[in-house]
């Protein structure tokens, strides 16, 4: 009888320790939620002055404007003088309403 109690006792002790280990690995409580204002990169709007921006800036900052369209914007400005309004950008060859609408909030003339 003594021999059967020892293995039972050992098994009970081992199972008891495994329960303690599992209990200690469970998270005590969820981390507190901290609210803070985060400005996403999309929320940061860079304004480009159509009358002073160079080709590299136009190409880098305006959506849908590559090297050729940036060159066309600068050429239009040099041939016709400063832009009188941002809507005048649509008169540049290759700049249509769709590209203008994508960049409406990014361009200025002041």
PDB file of N, CA and C in Angstrom:
ATOM      1  N   UNK A   1       0.799  -1.174   0.000  1.00  0.00           N
ATOM      2  CA  UNK A   1       0.000   0.000   0.000  1.00  0.00           C
ATOM      3  C   UNK A   1       0.857   1.259   0.000  1.00  0.00           C
ATOM      4  N   UNK A   2       1.964   1.168   0.675  1.00  0.00           N
ATOM      5  CA  UNK A   2       2.881   2.285   0.755  1.00  0.00           C
ATOM      6  C   UNK A   2       3.425   2.625  -0.622  1.00  0.00           C
ATOM      7  N   UNK A   3       3.657   1.639  -1.454  1.00  0.00           N
ATOM      8  CA  UNK A   3       4.226   1.844  -2.782  1.00  0.00           C
ATOM      9  C   UNK A   3       3.200   2.551  -3.685  1.00  0.00           C
ATOM     10  N   UNK A   4       1.947   2.289  -3.566  1.00  0.00           N
ATOM     11  CA  UNK A   4       0.945   2.941  -4.408  1.00  0.00           C
ATOM     12  C   UNK A   4       0.673   4.377  -3.974  1.00  0.00           C
ATOM     13  N   UNK A   5       0.893   4.723  -2.747  1.00  0.00           N
ATOM     14  CA  UNK A   5       0.666   6.095  -2.286  1.00  0.00           C
ATOM     15  C   UNK A   5       1.747   7.054  -2.782  1.00  0.00           C
ATOM     16  N   UNK A   6       2.962   6.604  -2.890  1.00  0.00           N
ATOM     17  CA  UNK A   6       4.063   7.477  -3.316  1.00  0.00           C
ATOM     18  C   UNK A   6       3.843   7.979  -4.746  1.00  0.00           C
ATOM     19  N   UNK A   7       3.539   7.103  -5.715  1.00  0.00           N
ATOM     20  CA  UNK A   7       3.302   7.630  -7.064  1.00  0.00           C
ATOM     21  C   UNK A   7       2.082   8.547  -7.127  1.00  0.00           C
ATOM     22  N   UNK A   8       1.066   8.243  -6.358  1.00  0.00           N
ATOM     23  CA  UNK A   8      -0.119   9.102  -6.345  1.00  0.00           C
ATOM     24  C   UNK A   8       0.221  10.469  -5.767  1.00  0.00           C
ATOM     25  N   UNK A   9       1.018  10.467  -4.710  1.00  0.00           N
ATOM     26  CA  UNK A   9       1.425  11.726  -4.094  1.00  0.00           C
ATOM     27  C   UNK A   9       2.286  12.552  -5.055  1.00  0.00           C
ATOM     28  N   UNK A  10       3.204  11.912  -5.743  1.00  0.00           N
ATOM     29  CA  UNK A  10       4.071  12.590  -6.711  1.00  0.00           C
ATOM     30  C   UNK A  10       3.227  13.184  -7.838  1.00  0.00           C
ATOM     31  N   UNK A  11       2.265  12.430  -8.332  1.00  0.00           N
ATOM     32  CA  UNK A  11       1.392  12.910  -9.409  1.00  0.00           C
ATOM     33  C   UNK A  11       0.570  14.112  -8.940  1.00  0.00           C
ATOM     34  N   UNK A  12       0.066  14.071  -7.730  1.00  0.00           N
ATOM     35  CA  UNK A  12      -0.731  15.175  -7.194  1.00  0.00           C
ATOM     36  C   UNK A  12       0.123  16.430  -7.047  1.00  0.00           C
ATOM     37  N   UNK A  13       1.348  16.256  -6.612  1.00  0.00           N
ATOM     38  CA  UNK A  13       2.253  17.408  -6.455  1.00  0.00           C
ATOM     39  C   UNK A  13       2.584  18.025  -7.814  1.00  0.00           C
ATOM     40  N   UNK A  14       2.874  17.180  -8.797  1.00  0.00           N
ATOM     41  CA  UNK A  14       3.206  17.686 -10.129  1.00  0.00           C
ATOM     42  C   UNK A  14       2.015  18.405 -10.757  1.00  0.00           C
ATOM     43  N   UNK A  15       0.841  17.861 -10.638  1.00  0.00           N
ATOM     44  CA  UNK A  15      -0.343  18.517 -11.178  1.00  0.00           C
ATOM     45  C   UNK A  15      -0.632  19.828 -10.449  1.00  0.00           C
ATOM     46  N   UNK A  16      -0.374  19.870  -9.200  1.00  0.00           N
ATOM     47  CA  UNK A  16      -0.564  21.097  -8.422  1.00  0.00           C
ATOM     48  C   UNK A  16       0.372  22.200  -8.882  1.00  0.00           C
ATOM     49  N   UNK A  17       1.634  21.855  -9.168  1.00  0.00           N
ATOM     50  CA  UNK A  17       2.582  22.851  -9.668  1.00  0.00           C
ATOM     51  C   UNK A  17       2.215  23.346 -11.058  1.00  0.00           C
ATOM     52  N   UNK A  18       1.720  22.468 -11.892  1.00  0.00           N
ATOM     53  CA  UNK A  18       1.357  22.896 -13.243  1.00  0.00           C
ATOM     54  C   UNK A  18       0.188  23.869 -13.197  1.00  0.00           C
ATOM     55  N   UNK A  19      -0.720  23.699 -12.254  1.00  0.00           N
ATOM     56  CA  UNK A  19      -1.826  24.646 -12.093  1.00  0.00           C
ATOM     57  C   UNK A  19      -1.328  26.002 -11.649  1.00  0.00           C
ATOM     58  N   UNK A  20      -0.307  26.017 -10.804  1.00  0.00           N
ATOM     59  CA  UNK A  20       0.266  27.275 -10.341  1.00  0.00           C
ATOM     60  C   UNK A  20       0.963  27.984 -11.494  1.00  0.00           C
ATOM     61  N   UNK A  21       1.671  27.245 -12.311  1.00  0.00           N
ATOM     62  CA  UNK A  21       2.370  27.836 -13.443  1.00  0.00           C
ATOM     63  C   UNK A  21       1.377  28.448 -14.415  1.00  0.00           C
ATOM     64  N   UNK A  22       0.318  27.739 -14.712  1.00  0.00           N
ATOM     65  CA  UNK A  22      -0.693  28.253 -15.629  1.00  0.00           C
ATOM     66  C   UNK A  22      -1.340  29.490 -15.040  1.00  0.00           C
ATOM     67  N   UNK A  23      -1.636  29.481 -13.749  1.00  0.00           N
ATOM     68  CA  UNK A  23      -2.264  30.628 -13.106  1.00  0.00           C
ATOM     69  C   UNK A  23      -1.342  31.838 -13.141  1.00  0.00           C
ATOM     70  N   UNK A  24      -0.053  31.636 -13.012  1.00  0.00           N
ATOM     71  CA  UNK A  24       0.882  32.758 -12.999  1.00  0.00           C
ATOM     72  C   UNK A  24       1.173  33.309 -14.388  1.00  0.00           C
ATOM     73  N   UNK A  25       0.939  32.533 -15.427  1.00  0.00           N
ATOM     74  CA  UNK A  25       1.223  33.028 -16.769  1.00  0.00           C
ATOM     75  C   UNK A  25       0.052  33.785 -17.363  1.00  0.00           C
ATOM     76  N   UNK A  26      -1.128  33.678 -16.782  1.00  0.00           N
ATOM     77  CA  UNK A  26      -2.291  34.404 -17.292  1.00  0.00           C
ATOM     78  C   UNK A  26      -2.140  35.884 -16.953  1.00  0.00           C
ATOM     79  N   UNK A  27      -2.558  36.777 -17.852  1.00  0.00           N
ATOM     80  CA  UNK A  27      -2.431  38.209 -17.561  1.00  0.00           C
ATOM     81  C   UNK A  27      -3.319  38.597 -16.386  1.00  0.00           C
ATOM     82  N   UNK A  28      -2.780  39.452 -15.527  1.00  0.00           N
ATOM     83  CA  UNK A  28      -3.508  39.874 -14.336  1.00  0.00           C
ATOM     84  C   UNK A  28      -4.698  40.736 -14.714  1.00  0.00           C
ATOM     85  N   UNK A  29      -4.477  41.699 -15.595  1.00  0.00           N
ATOM     86  CA  UNK A  29      -5.568  42.561 -16.054  1.00  0.00           C
ATOM     87  C   UNK A  29      -5.140  43.177 -17.376  1.00  0.00           C
ATOM     88  N   UNK A  30      -6.090  43.565 -18.205  1.00  0.00           N
ATOM     89  CA  UNK A  30      -5.701  44.182 -19.470  1.00  0.00           C
ATOM     90  C   UNK A  30      -5.021  45.524 -19.237  1.00  0.00           C
ATOM     91  N   UNK A  31      -4.154  45.868 -20.162  1.00  0.00           N
ATOM     92  CA  UNK A  31      -3.446  47.140 -20.053  1.00  0.00           C
ATOM     93  C   UNK A  31      -4.434  48.289 -20.178  1.00  0.00           C
ATOM     94  N   UNK A  32      -4.208  49.371 -19.451  1.00  0.00           N
ATOM     95  CA  UNK A  32      -5.129  50.503 -19.541  1.00  0.00           C
ATOM     96  C   UNK A  32      -5.062  51.142 -20.924  1.00  0.00           C
ATOM     97  N   UNK A  33      -6.178  51.621 -21.392  1.00  0.00           N
ATOM     98  CA  UNK A  33      -6.253  52.272 -22.694  1.00  0.00           C
ATOM     99  C   UNK A  33      -5.958  53.747 -22.503  1.00  0.00           C
ATOM    100  N   UNK A  34      -4.992  54.230 -23.243  1.00  0.00           N
ATOM    101  CA  UNK A  34      -4.617  55.633 -23.152  1.00  0.00           C
ATOM    102  C   UNK A  34      -5.019  56.306 -24.449  1.00  0.00           C
ATOM    103  N   UNK A  35      -5.805  57.332 -24.343  1.00  0.00           N
ATOM    104  CA  UNK A  35      -6.231  58.068 -25.530  1.00  0.00           C
ATOM    105  C   UNK A  35      -5.316  59.254 -25.728  1.00  0.00           C
ATOM    106  N   UNK A  36      -4.886  59.406 -26.956  1.00  0.00           N
ATOM    107  CA  UNK A  36      -4.100  60.583 -27.301  1.00  0.00           C
ATOM    108  C   UNK A  36      -4.332  60.884 -28.762  1.00  0.00           C
ATOM    109  N   UNK A  37      -4.232  62.135 -29.098  1.00  0.00           N
ATOM    110  CA  UNK A  37      -4.451  62.555 -30.477  1.00  0.00           C
ATOM    111  C   UNK A  37      -3.227  62.192 -31.298  1.00  0.00           C
ATOM    112  N   UNK A  38      -3.466  61.501 -32.387  1.00  0.00           N
ATOM    113  CA  UNK A  38      -2.389  61.138 -33.298  1.00  0.00           C
ATOM    114  C   UNK A  38      -2.749  61.690 -34.659  1.00  0.00           C
ATOM    115  N   UNK A  39      -1.851  62.445 -35.223  1.00  0.00           N
ATOM    116  CA  UNK A  39      -2.082  63.013 -36.549  1.00  0.00           C
ATOM    117  C   UNK A  39      -1.492  62.059 -37.558  1.00  0.00           C
ATOM    118  N   UNK A  40      -2.339  61.551 -38.413  1.00  0.00           N
ATOM    119  CA  UNK A  40      -1.862  60.627 -39.431  1.00  0.00           C
ATOM    120  C   UNK A  40      -1.131  61.407 -40.518  1.00  0.00           C
ATOM    121  N   UNK A  41      -0.242  60.737 -41.253  1.00  0.00           N
ATOM    122  CA  UNK A  41       0.476  61.422 -42.326  1.00  0.00           C
ATOM    123  C   UNK A  41      -0.469  62.014 -43.378  1.00  0.00           C
ATOM    124  N   UNK A  42      -1.636  61.363 -43.577  1.00  0.00           N
ATOM    125  CA  UNK A  42      -2.575  61.873 -44.559  1.00  0.00           C
ATOM    126  C   UNK A  42      -3.190  63.197 -44.110  1.00  0.00           C
ATOM    127  N   UNK A  43      -3.230  63.427 -42.791  1.00  0.00           N
ATOM    128  CA  UNK A  43      -3.841  64.645 -42.267  1.00  0.00           C
ATOM    129  C   UNK A  43      -2.913  65.847 -42.440  1.00  0.00           C
ATOM    130  N   UNK A  44      -1.640  65.619 -42.608  1.00  0.00           N
ATOM    131  CA  UNK A  44      -0.689  66.700 -42.764  1.00  0.00           C
ATOM    132  C   UNK A  44      -0.632  67.096 -44.228  1.00  0.00           C
ATOM    133  N   UNK A  45      -1.173  68.267 -44.540  1.00  0.00           N
ATOM    134  CA  UNK A  45      -1.229  68.723 -45.921  1.00  0.00           C
ATOM    135  C   UNK A  45      -0.118  69.741 -46.146  1.00  0.00           C
ATOM    136  N   UNK A  46       0.691  69.491 -47.141  1.00  0.00           N
ATOM    137  CA  UNK A  46       1.759  70.403 -47.525  1.00  0.00           C
ATOM    138  C   UNK A  46       1.217  71.289 -48.635  1.00  0.00           C
ATOM    139  N   UNK A  47       1.355  72.595 -48.480  1.00  0.00           N
ATOM    140  CA  UNK A  47       0.868  73.516 -49.500  1.00  0.00           C
ATOM    141  C   UNK A  47       2.016  73.895 -50.422  1.00  0.00           C
ATOM    142  N   UNK A  48       1.754  73.767 -51.721  1.00  0.00           N
ATOM    143  CA  UNK A  48       2.750  74.069 -52.748  1.00  0.00           C
ATOM    144  C   UNK A  48       2.329  75.353 -53.455  1.00  0.00           C
ATOM    145  N   UNK A  49       3.228  76.308 -53.506  1.00  0.00           N
ATOM    146  CA  UNK A  49       2.955  77.551 -54.223  1.00  0.00           C
ATOM    147  C   UNK A  49       3.249  77.319 -55.707  1.00  0.00           C
ATOM    148  N   UNK A  50       2.205  77.367 -56.513  1.00  0.00           N
ATOM    149  CA  UNK A  50       2.363  77.118 -57.954  1.00  0.00           C
ATOM    150  C   UNK A  50       3.239  78.160 -58.628  1.00  0.00           C
ATOM    151  N   UNK A  51       3.345  79.341 -58.066  1.00  0.00           N
ATOM    152  CA  UNK A  51       4.116  80.416 -58.688  1.00  0.00           C
ATOM    153  C   UNK A  51       5.599  80.382 -58.337  1.00  0.00           C
ATOM    154  N   UNK A  52       5.989  79.573 -57.363  1.00  0.00           N
ATOM    155  CA  UNK A  52       7.407  79.550 -56.976  1.00  0.00           C
ATOM    156  C   UNK A  52       8.023  78.155 -56.946  1.00  0.00           C
ATOM    157  N   UNK A  53       7.206  77.112 -56.960  1.00  0.00           N
ATOM    158  CA  UNK A  53       7.722  75.743 -56.839  1.00  0.00           C
ATOM    159  C   UNK A  53       8.513  75.331 -58.080  1.00  0.00           C
ATOM    160  N   UNK A  54       9.607  74.616 -57.844  1.00  0.00           N
ATOM    161  CA  UNK A  54      10.396  74.103 -58.967  1.00  0.00           C
ATOM    162  C   UNK A  54       9.856  72.737 -59.399  1.00  0.00           C
ATOM    163  N   UNK A  55      10.412  72.212 -60.486  1.00  0.00           N
ATOM    164  CA  UNK A  55       9.943  70.937 -61.038  1.00  0.00           C
ATOM    165  C   UNK A  55      10.044  69.798 -60.034  1.00  0.00           C
ATOM    166  N   UNK A  56      11.146  69.724 -59.319  1.00  0.00           N
ATOM    167  CA  UNK A  56      11.351  68.627 -58.364  1.00  0.00           C
ATOM    168  C   UNK A  56      10.294  68.653 -57.259  1.00  0.00           C
ATOM    169  N   UNK A  57       9.982  69.835 -56.761  1.00  0.00           N
ATOM    170  CA  UNK A  57       8.973  69.961 -55.705  1.00  0.00           C
ATOM    171  C   UNK A  57       7.598  69.582 -56.219  1.00  0.00           C
ATOM    172  N   UNK A  58       7.247  70.058 -57.402  1.00  0.00           N
ATOM    173  CA  UNK A  58       5.944  69.726 -57.984  1.00  0.00           C
ATOM    174  C   UNK A  58       5.808  68.221 -58.175  1.00  0.00           C
ATOM    175  N   UNK A  59       6.845  67.614 -58.690  1.00  0.00           N
ATOM    176  CA  UNK A  59       6.829  66.175 -58.943  1.00  0.00           C
ATOM    177  C   UNK A  59       6.731  65.388 -57.636  1.00  0.00           C
ATOM    178  N   UNK A  60       7.448  65.807 -56.632  1.00  0.00           N
ATOM    179  CA  UNK A  60       7.486  65.085 -55.367  1.00  0.00           C
ATOM    180  C   UNK A  60       6.194  65.239 -54.565  1.00  0.00           C
ATOM    181  N   UNK A  61       5.604  66.420 -54.576  1.00  0.00           N
ATOM    182  CA  UNK A  61       4.485  66.701 -53.676  1.00  0.00           C
ATOM    183  C   UNK A  61       3.096  66.528 -54.275  1.00  0.00           C
ATOM    184  N   UNK A  62       2.964  66.599 -55.586  1.00  0.00           N
ATOM    185  CA  UNK A  62       1.638  66.530 -56.189  1.00  0.00           C
ATOM    186  C   UNK A  62       1.339  65.125 -56.706  1.00  0.00           C
ATOM    187  N   UNK A  63       0.153  64.654 -56.416  1.00  0.00           N
ATOM    188  CA  UNK A  63      -0.276  63.325 -56.851  1.00  0.00           C
ATOM    189  C   UNK A  63      -0.554  63.322 -58.356  1.00  0.00           C
ATOM    190  N   UNK A  64      -0.042  62.338 -59.045  1.00  0.00           N
ATOM    191  CA  UNK A  64      -0.278  62.210 -60.478  1.00  0.00           C
ATOM    192  C   UNK A  64       0.583  63.117 -61.335  1.00  0.00           C
ATOM    193  N   UNK A  65       1.544  63.794 -60.724  1.00  0.00           N
ATOM    194  CA  UNK A  65       2.424  64.706 -61.459  1.00  0.00           C
ATOM    195  C   UNK A  65       3.820  64.103 -61.474  1.00  0.00           C
ATOM    196  N   UNK A  66       4.232  63.706 -62.679  1.00  0.00           N
ATOM    197  CA  UNK A  66       5.580  63.177 -62.862  1.00  0.00           C
ATOM    198  C   UNK A  66       6.490  64.249 -63.436  1.00  0.00           C
ATOM    199  N   UNK A  67       7.602  63.826 -63.964  1.00  0.00           N
ATOM    200  CA  UNK A  67       8.597  64.763 -64.484  1.00  0.00           C
ATOM    201  C   UNK A  67       8.042  65.601 -65.639  1.00  0.00           C
ATOM    202  N   UNK A  68       7.330  64.971 -66.566  1.00  0.00           N
ATOM    203  CA  UNK A  68       6.815  65.689 -67.743  1.00  0.00           C
ATOM    204  C   UNK A  68       5.764  66.730 -67.351  1.00  0.00           C
ATOM    205  N   UNK A  69       4.856  66.372 -66.457  1.00  0.00           N
ATOM    206  CA  UNK A  69       3.816  67.320 -66.049  1.00  0.00           C
ATOM    207  C   UNK A  69       4.393  68.440 -65.193  1.00  0.00           C
ATOM    208  N   UNK A  70       5.360  68.132 -64.368  1.00  0.00           N
ATOM    209  CA  UNK A  70       6.016  69.169 -63.573  1.00  0.00           C
ATOM    210  C   UNK A  70       6.727  70.164 -64.494  1.00  0.00           C
ATOM    211  N   UNK A  71       7.373  69.645 -65.527  1.00  0.00           N
ATOM    212  CA  UNK A  71       8.056  70.503 -66.505  1.00  0.00           C
ATOM    213  C   UNK A  71       7.028  71.368 -67.246  1.00  0.00           C
ATOM    214  N   UNK A  72       5.871  70.777 -67.557  1.00  0.00           N
ATOM    215  CA  UNK A  72       4.819  71.523 -68.254  1.00  0.00           C
ATOM    216  C   UNK A  72       4.252  72.637 -67.375  1.00  0.00           C
ATOM    217  N   UNK A  73       4.123  72.401 -66.078  1.00  0.00           N
ATOM    218  CA  UNK A  73       3.622  73.434 -65.161  1.00  0.00           C
ATOM    219  C   UNK A  73       4.588  74.614 -65.123  1.00  0.00           C
ATOM    220  N   UNK A  74       5.874  74.336 -65.001  1.00  0.00           N
ATOM    221  CA  UNK A  74       6.880  75.402 -64.959  1.00  0.00           C
ATOM    222  C   UNK A  74       6.921  76.133 -66.296  1.00  0.00           C
ATOM    223  N   UNK A  75       6.839  75.403 -67.401  1.00  0.00           N
ATOM    224  CA  UNK A  75       6.851  76.036 -68.730  1.00  0.00           C
ATOM    225  C   UNK A  75       5.624  76.926 -68.918  1.00  0.00           C
ATOM    226  N   UNK A  76       4.470  76.474 -68.475  1.00  0.00           N
ATOM    227  CA  UNK A  76       3.247  77.284 -68.571  1.00  0.00           C
ATOM    228  C   UNK A  76       3.415  78.576 -67.774  1.00  0.00           C
ATOM    229  N   UNK A  77       3.971  78.462 -66.570  1.00  0.00           N
ATOM    230  CA  UNK A  77       4.178  79.631 -65.710  1.00  0.00           C
ATOM    231  C   UNK A  77       5.152  80.615 -66.354  1.00  0.00           C
ATOM    232  N   UNK A  78       6.202  80.091 -66.969  1.00  0.00           N
ATOM    233  CA  UNK A  78       7.191  80.967 -67.613  1.00  0.00           C
ATOM    234  C   UNK A  78       6.613  81.643 -68.853  1.00  0.00           C
ATOM    235  N   UNK A  79       5.751  80.948 -69.580  1.00  0.00           N
ATOM    236  CA  UNK A  79       5.168  81.508 -70.803  1.00  0.00           C
ATOM    237  C   UNK A  79       4.012  82.475 -70.518  1.00  0.00           C
ATOM    238  N   UNK A  80       3.239  82.229 -69.456  1.00  0.00           N
ATOM    239  CA  UNK A  80       2.029  83.010 -69.208  1.00  0.00           C
ATOM    240  C   UNK A  80       2.079  83.874 -67.949  1.00  0.00           C
ATOM    241  N   UNK A  81       3.166  83.833 -67.239  1.00  0.00           N
ATOM    242  CA  UNK A  81       3.249  84.583 -65.983  1.00  0.00           C
ATOM    243  C   UNK A  81       2.685  83.760 -64.832  1.00  0.00           C
ATOM    244  N   UNK A  82       2.671  84.368 -63.671  1.00  0.00           N
ATOM    245  CA  UNK A  82       2.192  83.670 -62.474  1.00  0.00           C
ATOM    246  C   UNK A  82       0.744  83.222 -62.629  1.00  0.00           C
ATOM    247  N   UNK A  83       0.418  82.150 -61.942  1.00  0.00           N
ATOM    248  CA  UNK A  83      -0.951  81.660 -61.918  1.00  0.00           C
ATOM    249  C   UNK A  83      -1.815  82.679 -61.173  1.00  0.00           C
ATOM    250  N   UNK A  84      -2.966  83.024 -61.743  1.00  0.00           N
ATOM    251  CA  UNK A  84      -3.889  83.960 -61.104  1.00  0.00           C
ATOM    252  C   UNK A  84      -4.791  83.245 -60.105  1.00  0.00           C
ATOM    253  N   UNK A  85      -5.050  81.960 -60.337  1.00  0.00           N
ATOM    254  CA  UNK A  85      -5.841  81.150 -59.415  1.00  0.00           C
ATOM    255  C   UNK A  85      -5.374  79.708 -59.527  1.00  0.00           C
ATOM    256  N   UNK A  86      -5.708  78.923 -58.533  1.00  0.00           N
ATOM    257  CA  UNK A  86      -5.297  77.523 -58.571  1.00  0.00           C
ATOM    258  C   UNK A  86      -6.034  76.765 -59.676  1.00  0.00           C
ATOM    259  N   UNK A  87      -7.250  77.211 -60.023  1.00  0.00           N
ATOM    260  CA  UNK A  87      -8.014  76.576 -61.100  1.00  0.00           C
ATOM    261  C   UNK A  87      -7.303  76.668 -62.449  1.00  0.00           C
ATOM    262  N   UNK A  88      -6.450  77.663 -62.597  1.00  0.00           N
ATOM    263  CA  UNK A  88      -5.706  77.850 -63.846  1.00  0.00           C
ATOM    264  C   UNK A  88      -4.758  76.681 -64.109  1.00  0.00           C
ATOM    265  N   UNK A  89      -4.464  75.906 -63.080  1.00  0.00           N
ATOM    266  CA  UNK A  89      -3.591  74.736 -63.237  1.00  0.00           C
ATOM    267  C   UNK A  89      -4.166  73.760 -64.259  1.00  0.00           C
ATOM    268  N   UNK A  90      -5.487  73.717 -64.386  1.00  0.00           N
ATOM    269  CA  UNK A  90      -6.112  72.801 -65.342  1.00  0.00           C
ATOM    270  C   UNK A  90      -5.867  73.209 -66.792  1.00  0.00           C
ATOM    271  N   UNK A  91      -5.352  74.412 -67.033  1.00  0.00           N
ATOM    272  CA  UNK A  91      -5.031  74.857 -68.387  1.00  0.00           C
ATOM    273  C   UNK A  91      -3.684  74.324 -68.858  1.00  0.00           C
ATOM    274  N   UNK A  92      -2.910  73.770 -67.934  1.00  0.00           N
ATOM    275  CA  UNK A  92      -1.612  73.182 -68.276  1.00  0.00           C
ATOM    276  C   UNK A  92      -1.863  71.858 -68.987  1.00  0.00           C
ATOM    277  N   UNK A  93      -1.162  71.648 -70.096  1.00  0.00           N
ATOM    278  CA  UNK A  93      -1.322  70.416 -70.857  1.00  0.00           C
ATOM    279  C   UNK A  93      -0.969  69.217 -69.978  1.00  0.00           C
ATOM    280  N   UNK A  94      -1.890  68.257 -69.927  1.00  0.00           N
ATOM    281  CA  UNK A  94      -1.674  67.045 -69.137  1.00  0.00           C
ATOM    282  C   UNK A  94      -2.288  67.095 -67.744  1.00  0.00           C
ATOM    283  N   UNK A  95      -2.724  68.274 -67.329  1.00  0.00           N
ATOM    284  CA  UNK A  95      -3.362  68.405 -66.021  1.00  0.00           C
ATOM    285  C   UNK A  95      -4.862  68.553 -66.247  1.00  0.00           C
ATOM    286  N   UNK A  96      -5.589  67.526 -65.930  1.00  0.00           N
ATOM    287  CA  UNK A  96      -7.038  67.564 -66.091  1.00  0.00           C
ATOM    288  C   UNK A  96      -7.732  67.751 -64.760  1.00  0.00           C
ATOM    289  N   UNK A  97      -9.039  67.648 -64.819  1.00  0.00           N
ATOM    290  CA  UNK A  97      -9.841  67.854 -63.626  1.00  0.00           C
ATOM    291  C   UNK A  97      -9.520  66.823 -62.540  1.00  0.00           C
ATOM    292  N   UNK A  98      -9.279  65.575 -62.938  1.00  0.00           N
ATOM    293  CA  UNK A  98      -9.001  64.520 -61.954  1.00  0.00           C
ATOM    294  C   UNK A  98      -7.723  64.806 -61.161  1.00  0.00           C
ATOM    295  N   UNK A  99      -6.664  65.162 -61.855  1.00  0.00           N
ATOM    296  CA  UNK A  99      -5.402  65.471 -61.166  1.00  0.00           C
ATOM    297  C   UNK A  99      -5.561  66.726 -60.325  1.00  0.00           C
ATOM    298  N   UNK A 100      -6.259  67.722 -60.859  1.00  0.00           N
ATOM    299  CA  UNK A 100      -6.474  68.950 -60.091  1.00  0.00           C
ATOM    300  C   UNK A 100      -7.242  68.658 -58.799  1.00  0.00           C
ATOM    301  N   UNK A 101      -8.283  67.842 -58.878  1.00  0.00           N
ATOM    302  CA  UNK A 101      -9.093  67.528 -57.693  1.00  0.00           C
ATOM    303  C   UNK A 101      -8.283  66.765 -56.643  1.00  0.00           C
ATOM    304  N   UNK A 102      -7.374  65.887 -57.076  1.00  0.00           N
ATOM    305  CA  UNK A 102      -6.522  65.163 -56.135  1.00  0.00           C
ATOM    306  C   UNK A 102      -5.609  66.110 -55.362  1.00  0.00           C
ATOM    307  N   UNK A 103      -5.265  67.238 -55.988  1.00  0.00           N
ATOM    308  CA  UNK A 103      -4.287  68.148 -55.416  1.00  0.00           C
ATOM    309  C   UNK A 103      -4.864  69.490 -54.986  1.00  0.00           C
ATOM    310  N   UNK A 104      -6.167  69.649 -55.042  1.00  0.00           N
ATOM    311  CA  UNK A 104      -6.808  70.937 -54.751  1.00  0.00           C
ATOM    312  C   UNK A 104      -6.357  71.517 -53.419  1.00  0.00           C
ATOM    313  N   UNK A 105      -6.265  70.693 -52.382  1.00  0.00           N
ATOM    314  CA  UNK A 105      -5.900  71.175 -51.050  1.00  0.00           C
ATOM    315  C   UNK A 105      -4.403  71.385 -50.890  1.00  0.00           C
ATOM    316  N   UNK A 106      -3.623  70.945 -51.856  1.00  0.00           N
ATOM    317  CA  UNK A 106      -2.164  71.048 -51.750  1.00  0.00           C
ATOM    318  C   UNK A 106      -1.590  72.265 -52.472  1.00  0.00           C
ATOM    319  N   UNK A 107      -2.366  72.884 -53.365  1.00  0.00           N
ATOM    320  CA  UNK A 107      -1.799  73.966 -54.171  1.00  0.00           C
ATOM    321  C   UNK A 107      -2.352  75.321 -53.728  1.00  0.00           C
ATOM    322  N   UNK A 108      -1.506  76.322 -53.879  1.00  0.00           N
ATOM    323  CA  UNK A 108      -1.862  77.707 -53.561  1.00  0.00           C
ATOM    324  C   UNK A 108      -1.125  78.611 -54.519  1.00  0.00           C
ATOM    325  N   UNK A 109      -1.496  79.887 -54.527  1.00  0.00           N
ATOM    326  CA  UNK A 109      -0.809  80.832 -55.430  1.00  0.00           C
ATOM    327  C   UNK A 109      -0.188  81.996 -54.667  1.00  0.00           C
ATOM    328  N   UNK A 110      -0.241  81.992 -53.361  1.00  0.00           N
ATOM    329  CA  UNK A 110       0.295  83.124 -52.606  1.00  0.00           C
ATOM    330  C   UNK A 110       1.726  82.948 -52.244  1.00  0.00           C
TER     331      UNK A 110
END
